[in-house]
Amino acid sequence: MIDPAFRPKYVSFDCYGTLIDFQITPVTRELVGDLLTPAQFDRFVVDFRALRYDQVCGEYYAYKQVLHDSFARTCKKWGLAVAEDAGQRFSDAVLSWGPHADVPGPLKKLGEHYPLVILSNADTSYLDVSVPKLGAGFHAVYTAEQAGFYKPRYAAFEYMVDQLNARPEEFLHVSSHTRYDLMPAYDLGFTNTVLLDRGYDPPAPVYGYTKVDSLEELNDLLGL
């Protein structure tokens, strides 16, 4: 649990999934939904999510290609043909997404009290489109493209810490992803982390995060 007396130097966020509503399943359904039974499609979605994670554990390369390659690996596993324009269709979808309904008001309020930072698993051009939709001012926005690494690579977090000339324990880091964010953050000494629970990952409380169900609940914990 966050110490009520803790006053972070920065409140950092994951972006896609945490702040922006990550709606990749409708595009996936357009591409392969007619080729699978409902139960098979649900399993395909799970496999696609796992392979997206695996795809970013190596060297950085463009996010549109990450989406295409992880989708292609999933299709190969299921014996399905891969649409040549799949990566572009996923990329276009990302640019169309907006914030979760619980984000703009509470995020703006939080930003009136603390400098807000984003550390995102995407190229800078995606954040240039998505961040203005969030309705809050940000002190800094860092991307995998800038860092040269995707989360969960530790170097992505180290890039943010170095750029801000801060220490991990000075951050309050908020994410809806345990595997991409909260587990590596724990290993790197981020002692104040928050799971904004949107149902993406199974619980892993051993990593010491505080769980909230909305940004308003986070603001309440911070006494705002």
C-alpha atoms as a PDB file:
ATOM      1  CA  MET A   1       0.000   0.000   0.000  1.00  0.00           C
ATOM      2  CA  ILE A   2       1.236   3.500  -0.822  1.00  0.00           C
ATOM      3  CA  ASP A   3       2.306   5.448   2.230  1.00  0.00           C
ATOM      4  CA  PRO A   4      -0.208   8.324   2.556  1.00  0.00           C
ATOM      5  CA  ALA A   5       2.710  10.605   3.375  1.00  0.00           C
ATOM      6  CA  PHE A   6       4.567   9.755   0.144  1.00  0.00           C
ATOM      7  CA  ARG A   7       4.865  12.652  -2.282  1.00  0.00           C
ATOM      8  CA  PRO A   8       6.299  11.469  -5.609  1.00  0.00           C
ATOM      9  CA  LYS A   9       8.667  13.603  -7.623  1.00  0.00           C
ATOM     10  CA  TYR A  10       6.941  12.249 -10.741  1.00  0.00           C
ATOM     11  CA  VAL A  11       3.827  10.202 -11.449  1.00  0.00           C
ATOM     12  CA  SER A  12       4.643   8.032 -14.446  1.00  0.00           C
ATOM     13  CA  PHE A  13       2.197   6.057 -16.558  1.00  0.00           C
ATOM     14  CA  ASP A  14       2.057   3.383 -19.161  1.00  0.00           C
ATOM     15  CA  CYS A  15      -0.094   4.702 -22.000  1.00  0.00           C
ATOM     16  CA  TYR A  16      -1.831   2.036 -24.121  1.00  0.00           C
ATOM     17  CA  GLY A  17      -4.186  -0.045 -22.066  1.00  0.00           C
ATOM     18  CA  THR A  18      -3.674   2.051 -18.954  1.00  0.00           C
ATOM     19  CA  LEU A  19      -4.727   5.493 -20.205  1.00  0.00           C
ATOM     20  CA  ILE A  20      -5.722   4.816 -23.816  1.00  0.00           C
ATOM     21  CA  ASP A  21      -8.324   2.080 -24.291  1.00  0.00           C
ATOM     22  CA  PHE A  22      -6.421  -0.715 -26.078  1.00  0.00           C
ATOM     23  CA  GLN A  23      -9.076  -2.041 -28.479  1.00  0.00           C
ATOM     24  CA  ILE A  24      -7.070  -4.450 -30.613  1.00  0.00           C
ATOM     25  CA  THR A  25      -9.626  -7.270 -30.525  1.00  0.00           C
ATOM     26  CA  PRO A  26     -12.120  -5.698 -33.003  1.00  0.00           C
ATOM     27  CA  VAL A  27      -9.391  -5.410 -35.665  1.00  0.00           C
ATOM     28  CA  THR A  28      -8.270  -8.956 -34.935  1.00  0.00           C
ATOM     29  CA  ARG A  29     -11.857 -10.090 -35.399  1.00  0.00           C
ATOM     30  CA  GLU A  30     -12.062  -8.313 -38.765  1.00  0.00           C
ATOM     31  CA  LEU A  31      -8.944 -10.169 -39.910  1.00  0.00           C
ATOM     32  CA  VAL A  32      -9.602 -13.720 -38.681  1.00  0.00           C
ATOM     33  CA  GLY A  33     -12.961 -13.827 -36.895  1.00  0.00           C
ATOM     34  CA  ASP A  34     -14.769 -15.492 -39.806  1.00  0.00           C
ATOM     35  CA  LEU A  35     -12.152 -18.263 -39.921  1.00  0.00           C
ATOM     36  CA  LEU A  36     -12.501 -19.428 -36.328  1.00  0.00           C
ATOM     37  CA  THR A  37     -15.255 -20.554 -33.998  1.00  0.00           C
ATOM     38  CA  PRO A  38     -15.985 -18.152 -31.097  1.00  0.00           C
ATOM     39  CA  ALA A  39     -14.039 -20.382 -28.701  1.00  0.00           C
ATOM     40  CA  GLN A  40     -11.109 -20.612 -31.112  1.00  0.00           C
ATOM     41  CA  PHE A  41     -11.115 -16.862 -31.624  1.00  0.00           C
ATOM     42  CA  ASP A  42     -10.933 -16.275 -27.871  1.00  0.00           C
ATOM     43  CA  ARG A  43      -7.882 -18.532 -27.716  1.00  0.00           C
ATOM     44  CA  PHE A  44      -6.351 -16.809 -30.748  1.00  0.00           C
ATOM     45  CA  VAL A  45      -6.648 -13.478 -28.925  1.00  0.00           C
ATOM     46  CA  VAL A  46      -4.831 -14.933 -25.908  1.00  0.00           C
ATOM     47  CA  ASP A  47      -2.049 -16.299 -28.125  1.00  0.00           C
ATOM     48  CA  PHE A  48      -1.731 -12.987 -29.994  1.00  0.00           C
ATOM     49  CA  ARG A  49      -1.366 -11.115 -26.719  1.00  0.00           C
ATOM     50  CA  ALA A  50       1.342 -13.483 -25.505  1.00  0.00           C
ATOM     51  CA  LEU A  51       3.286 -13.220 -28.745  1.00  0.00           C
ATOM     52  CA  ARG A  52       3.108  -9.409 -28.727  1.00  0.00           C
ATOM     53  CA  TYR A  53       4.824  -9.561 -25.343  1.00  0.00           C
ATOM     54  CA  ASP A  54       7.486 -11.951 -26.602  1.00  0.00           C
ATOM     55  CA  GLN A  55       8.054  -9.842 -29.714  1.00  0.00           C
ATOM     56  CA  VAL A  56       9.220  -6.811 -27.706  1.00  0.00           C
ATOM     57  CA  CYS A  57      11.660  -8.666 -25.468  1.00  0.00           C
ATOM     58  CA  GLY A  58      14.472  -8.333 -27.989  1.00  0.00           C
ATOM     59  CA  GLU A  59      15.872  -5.393 -29.901  1.00  0.00           C
ATOM     60  CA  TYR A  60      13.730  -2.360 -30.657  1.00  0.00           C
ATOM     61  CA  TYR A  61      12.137  -2.023 -34.078  1.00  0.00           C
ATOM     62  CA  ALA A  62       9.089  -0.190 -35.387  1.00  0.00           C
ATOM     63  CA  TYR A  63       5.851  -0.844 -33.535  1.00  0.00           C
ATOM     64  CA  LYS A  64       3.771  -1.360 -36.698  1.00  0.00           C
ATOM     65  CA  GLN A  65       6.090  -4.215 -37.631  1.00  0.00           C
ATOM     66  CA  VAL A  66       5.919  -5.602 -34.090  1.00  0.00           C
ATOM     67  CA  LEU A  67       2.154  -5.799 -34.454  1.00  0.00           C
ATOM     68  CA  HIS A  68       2.396  -7.424 -37.864  1.00  0.00           C
ATOM     69  CA  ASP A  69       5.045  -9.954 -36.863  1.00  0.00           C
ATOM     70  CA  SER A  70       3.329 -11.051 -33.661  1.00  0.00           C
ATOM     71  CA  PHE A  71       0.043 -11.405 -35.556  1.00  0.00           C
ATOM     72  CA  ALA A  72       1.813 -13.422 -38.262  1.00  0.00           C
ATOM     73  CA  ARG A  73       3.306 -15.747 -35.642  1.00  0.00           C
ATOM     74  CA  THR A  74      -0.155 -16.268 -34.171  1.00  0.00           C
ATOM     75  CA  CYS A  75      -1.629 -17.004 -37.600  1.00  0.00           C
ATOM     76  CA  LYS A  76       1.155 -19.494 -38.283  1.00  0.00           C
ATOM     77  CA  LYS A  77       0.345 -21.279 -35.024  1.00  0.00           C
ATOM     78  CA  TRP A  78      -3.299 -21.529 -36.101  1.00  0.00           C
ATOM     79  CA  GLY A  79      -2.611 -22.416 -39.723  1.00  0.00           C
ATOM     80  CA  LEU A  80      -4.129 -19.203 -41.073  1.00  0.00           C
ATOM     81  CA  ALA A  81      -3.001 -16.968 -43.907  1.00  0.00           C
ATOM     82  CA  VAL A  82      -1.716 -13.522 -42.937  1.00  0.00           C
ATOM     83  CA  ALA A  83      -3.220 -10.423 -44.516  1.00  0.00           C
ATOM     84  CA  GLU A  84      -0.441  -8.370 -46.079  1.00  0.00           C
ATOM     85  CA  ASP A  85      -1.890  -5.161 -44.668  1.00  0.00           C
ATOM     86  CA  ALA A  86      -2.415  -6.497 -41.120  1.00  0.00           C
ATOM     87  CA  GLY A  87       0.302  -4.355 -39.567  1.00  0.00           C
ATOM     88  CA  GLN A  88      -1.042  -1.217 -41.211  1.00  0.00           C
ATOM     89  CA  ARG A  89      -4.585  -1.980 -40.075  1.00  0.00           C
ATOM     90  CA  PHE A  90      -3.473  -2.498 -36.490  1.00  0.00           C
ATOM     91  CA  SER A  91      -1.361   0.655 -36.651  1.00  0.00           C
ATOM     92  CA  ASP A  92      -4.257   2.728 -37.983  1.00  0.00           C
ATOM     93  CA  ALA A  93      -6.454   1.373 -35.197  1.00  0.00           C
ATOM     94  CA  VAL A  94      -3.999   2.433 -32.493  1.00  0.00           C
ATOM     95  CA  LEU A  95      -4.097   5.982 -33.808  1.00  0.00           C
ATOM     96  CA  SER A  96      -7.899   5.999 -33.656  1.00  0.00           C
ATOM     97  CA  TRP A  97      -8.237   4.938 -30.010  1.00  0.00           C
ATOM     98  CA  GLY A  98      -9.197   7.340 -27.230  1.00  0.00           C
ATOM     99  CA  PRO A  99      -8.863   7.339 -23.449  1.00  0.00           C
ATOM    100  CA  HIS A 100     -10.699   5.097 -21.041  1.00  0.00           C
ATOM    101  CA  ALA A 101     -13.779   6.873 -19.711  1.00  0.00           C
ATOM    102  CA  ASP A 102     -12.293   7.205 -16.213  1.00  0.00           C
ATOM    103  CA  VAL A 103      -9.134   8.969 -17.401  1.00  0.00           C
ATOM    104  CA  PRO A 104      -9.482  12.624 -18.531  1.00  0.00           C
ATOM    105  CA  GLY A 105     -10.990  14.292 -15.454  1.00  0.00           C
ATOM    106  CA  PRO A 106      -8.975  12.500 -12.740  1.00  0.00           C
ATOM    107  CA  LEU A 107      -5.782  12.676 -14.812  1.00  0.00           C
ATOM    108  CA  LYS A 108      -6.128  16.433 -15.246  1.00  0.00           C
ATOM    109  CA  LYS A 109      -6.682  16.786 -11.499  1.00  0.00           C
ATOM    110  CA  LEU A 110      -3.630  14.652 -10.734  1.00  0.00           C
ATOM    111  CA  GLY A 111      -1.554  16.750 -13.121  1.00  0.00           C
ATOM    112  CA  GLU A 112      -2.432  19.888 -11.188  1.00  0.00           C
ATOM    113  CA  HIS A 113      -0.519  18.468  -8.226  1.00  0.00           C
ATOM    114  CA  TYR A 114       2.275  16.339  -9.700  1.00  0.00           C
ATOM    115  CA  PRO A 115       4.400  16.315 -12.872  1.00  0.00           C
ATOM    116  CA  LEU A 116       3.017  13.594 -15.141  1.00  0.00           C
ATOM    117  CA  VAL A 117       5.215  11.363 -17.290  1.00  0.00           C
ATOM    118  CA  ILE A 118       4.460   8.667 -19.859  1.00  0.00           C
ATOM    119  CA  LEU A 119       6.715   5.704 -20.654  1.00  0.00           C
ATOM    120  CA  SER A 120       5.098   4.012 -23.629  1.00  0.00           C
ATOM    121  CA  ASN A 121       5.690   0.884 -25.703  1.00  0.00           C
ATOM    122  CA  ALA A 122       5.189   2.575 -29.040  1.00  0.00           C
ATOM    123  CA  ASP A 123       6.863   4.831 -31.561  1.00  0.00           C
ATOM    124  CA  THR A 124       6.915   8.565 -30.934  1.00  0.00           C
ATOM    125  CA  SER A 125       4.509   9.267 -33.809  1.00  0.00           C
ATOM    126  CA  TYR A 126       1.777   7.271 -32.039  1.00  0.00           C
ATOM    127  CA  LEU A 127       2.132   9.276 -28.831  1.00  0.00           C
ATOM    128  CA  ASP A 128       2.031  12.522 -30.798  1.00  0.00           C
ATOM    129  CA  VAL A 129      -1.536  11.562 -31.752  1.00  0.00           C
ATOM    130  CA  SER A 130      -2.682   9.822 -28.556  1.00  0.00           C
ATOM    131  CA  VAL A 131      -1.394  12.082 -25.775  1.00  0.00           C
ATOM    132  CA  PRO A 132      -3.450  15.164 -26.756  1.00  0.00           C
ATOM    133  CA  LYS A 133      -6.589  13.007 -26.367  1.00  0.00           C
ATOM    134  CA  LEU A 134      -5.879  12.471 -22.659  1.00  0.00           C
ATOM    135  CA  GLY A 135      -6.878  15.964 -21.587  1.00  0.00           C
ATOM    136  CA  ALA A 136      -3.931  16.601 -19.259  1.00  0.00           C
ATOM    137  CA  GLY A 137      -0.554  18.273 -19.479  1.00  0.00           C
ATOM    138  CA  PHE A 138       2.541  16.064 -19.324  1.00  0.00           C
ATOM    139  CA  HIS A 139       5.973  17.015 -18.063  1.00  0.00           C
ATOM    140  CA  ALA A 140       7.551  14.417 -20.356  1.00  0.00           C
ATOM    141  CA  VAL A 141       6.563  11.657 -22.768  1.00  0.00           C
ATOM    142  CA  TYR A 142       9.077   8.886 -23.447  1.00  0.00           C
ATOM    143  CA  THR A 143       8.675   6.152 -26.025  1.00  0.00           C
ATOM    144  CA  ALA A 144      10.291   2.847 -26.878  1.00  0.00           C
ATOM    145  CA  GLU A 145      11.603   4.512 -30.017  1.00  0.00           C
ATOM    146  CA  GLN A 146      13.437   7.141 -27.966  1.00  0.00           C
ATOM    147  CA  ALA A 147      14.740   4.658 -25.406  1.00  0.00           C
ATOM    148  CA  GLY A 148      15.725   2.079 -27.999  1.00  0.00           C
ATOM    149  CA  PHE A 149      14.003  -0.602 -25.925  1.00  0.00           C
ATOM    150  CA  TYR A 150      10.483  -1.796 -25.259  1.00  0.00           C
ATOM    151  CA  LYS A 151       9.192  -2.635 -21.825  1.00  0.00           C
ATOM    152  CA  PRO A 152       9.695  -5.093 -20.105  1.00  0.00           C
ATOM    153  CA  ARG A 153      13.356  -4.465 -20.961  1.00  0.00           C
ATOM    154  CA  TYR A 154      14.913  -2.775 -17.950  1.00  0.00           C
ATOM    155  CA  ALA A 155      16.693  -0.262 -20.187  1.00  0.00           C
ATOM    156  CA  ALA A 156      13.350   1.341 -21.076  1.00  0.00           C
ATOM    157  CA  PHE A 157      12.811   2.269 -17.423  1.00  0.00           C
ATOM    158  CA  GLU A 158      16.458   3.248 -16.985  1.00  0.00           C
ATOM    159  CA  TYR A 159      16.075   5.648 -19.894  1.00  0.00           C
ATOM    160  CA  MET A 160      13.168   7.420 -18.194  1.00  0.00           C
ATOM    161  CA  VAL A 161      14.994   7.603 -14.869  1.00  0.00           C
ATOM    162  CA  ASP A 162      18.140   8.970 -16.507  1.00  0.00           C
ATOM    163  CA  GLN A 163      16.275  11.543 -18.589  1.00  0.00           C
ATOM    164  CA  LEU A 164      14.593  12.929 -15.490  1.00  0.00           C
ATOM    165  CA  ASN A 165      17.721  12.741 -13.312  1.00  0.00           C
ATOM    166  CA  ALA A 166      15.679  10.966 -10.667  1.00  0.00           C
ATOM    167  CA  ARG A 167      15.774   7.763  -8.628  1.00  0.00           C
ATOM    168  CA  PRO A 168      13.291   4.897  -8.999  1.00  0.00           C
ATOM    169  CA  GLU A 169      11.985   5.379  -5.471  1.00  0.00           C
ATOM    170  CA  GLU A 170      10.999   8.974  -6.308  1.00  0.00           C
ATOM    171  CA  PHE A 171       8.394   7.807  -8.840  1.00  0.00           C
ATOM    172  CA  LEU A 172       4.853   6.659  -8.469  1.00  0.00           C
ATOM    173  CA  HIS A 173       4.514   4.383 -11.496  1.00  0.00           C
ATOM    174  CA  VAL A 174       1.026   3.427 -12.682  1.00  0.00           C
ATOM    175  CA  SER A 175       0.186   0.688 -15.159  1.00  0.00           C
ATOM    176  CA  SER A 176      -2.526  -1.809 -16.029  1.00  0.00           C
ATOM    177  CA  HIS A 177       0.144  -4.347 -17.032  1.00  0.00           C
ATOM    178  CA  THR A 178       2.006  -6.398 -14.457  1.00  0.00           C
ATOM    179  CA  ARG A 179       4.311  -8.163 -16.922  1.00  0.00           C
ATOM    180  CA  TYR A 180       5.302  -5.147 -19.016  1.00  0.00           C
ATOM    181  CA  ASP A 181       5.613  -2.643 -16.164  1.00  0.00           C
ATOM    182  CA  LEU A 182       5.146  -3.647 -12.562  1.00  0.00           C
ATOM    183  CA  MET A 183       7.406  -6.692 -12.485  1.00  0.00           C
ATOM    184  CA  PRO A 184      10.447  -5.007 -14.082  1.00  0.00           C
ATOM    185  CA  ALA A 185       9.798  -1.836 -12.072  1.00  0.00           C
ATOM    186  CA  TYR A 186       9.913  -3.894  -8.885  1.00  0.00           C
ATOM    187  CA  ASP A 187      13.233  -5.408  -9.906  1.00  0.00           C
ATOM    188  CA  LEU A 188      14.656  -1.945 -10.600  1.00  0.00           C
ATOM    189  CA  GLY A 189      13.725  -0.500  -7.200  1.00  0.00           C
ATOM    190  CA  PHE A 190      10.490   1.341  -7.945  1.00  0.00           C
ATOM    191  CA  THR A 191       9.032   1.062  -4.460  1.00  0.00           C
ATOM    192  CA  ASN A 192       5.754   2.873  -5.201  1.00  0.00           C
ATOM    193  CA  THR A 193       3.792   1.222  -7.989  1.00  0.00           C
ATOM    194  CA  VAL A 194       0.093   1.023  -8.774  1.00  0.00           C
ATOM    195  CA  LEU A 195      -1.872  -1.547 -10.742  1.00  0.00           C
ATOM    196  CA  LEU A 196      -4.801   0.244 -12.365  1.00  0.00           C
ATOM    197  CA  ASP A 197      -6.682  -3.001 -12.770  1.00  0.00           C
ATOM    198  CA  ARG A 198      -8.334  -3.379 -16.166  1.00  0.00           C
ATOM    199  CA  GLY A 199      -8.217  -7.176 -16.184  1.00  0.00           C
ATOM    200  CA  TYR A 200      -5.241  -7.670 -18.498  1.00  0.00           C
ATOM    201  CA  ASP A 201      -3.009  -9.768 -16.243  1.00  0.00           C
ATOM    202  CA  PRO A 202      -3.586 -12.189 -13.380  1.00  0.00           C
ATOM    203  CA  PRO A 203      -2.822 -10.688  -9.960  1.00  0.00           C
ATOM    204  CA  ALA A 204       0.764 -10.845  -8.736  1.00  0.00           C
ATOM    205  CA  PRO A 205       0.695  -9.074  -5.340  1.00  0.00           C
ATOM    206  CA  VAL A 206       4.160 -10.385  -4.450  1.00  0.00           C
ATOM    207  CA  TYR A 207       5.455  -7.486  -6.567  1.00  0.00           C
ATOM    208  CA  GLY A 208       4.278  -5.011  -3.957  1.00  0.00           C
ATOM    209  CA  TYR A 209       1.984  -2.800  -5.990  1.00  0.00           C
ATOM    210  CA  THR A 210      -1.170  -1.085  -4.755  1.00  0.00           C
ATOM    211  CA  LYS A 211      -4.275  -2.063  -6.740  1.00  0.00           C
ATOM    212  CA  VAL A 212      -6.897   0.494  -7.722  1.00  0.00           C
ATOM    213  CA  ASP A 213      -9.898   0.195 -10.014  1.00  0.00           C
ATOM    214  CA  SER A 214      -9.914   3.768 -11.319  1.00  0.00           C
ATOM    215  CA  LEU A 215      -7.811   6.908 -11.471  1.00  0.00           C
ATOM    216  CA  GLU A 216     -10.281   8.559  -9.121  1.00  0.00           C
ATOM    217  CA  GLU A 217      -9.407   5.906  -6.551  1.00  0.00           C
ATOM    218  CA  LEU A 218      -5.713   6.684  -7.058  1.00  0.00           C
ATOM    219  CA  ASN A 219      -6.382  10.375  -6.471  1.00  0.00           C
ATOM    220  CA  ASP A 220      -8.209   9.483  -3.269  1.00  0.00           C
ATOM    221  CA  LEU A 221      -5.171   7.504  -2.084  1.00  0.00           C
ATOM    222  CA  LEU A 222      -3.025  10.573  -2.709  1.00  0.00           C
ATOM    223  CA  GLY A 223      -5.435  12.794  -0.802  1.00  0.00           C
ATOM    224  CA  LEU A 224      -6.501  14.807  -3.844  1.00  0.00           C
END
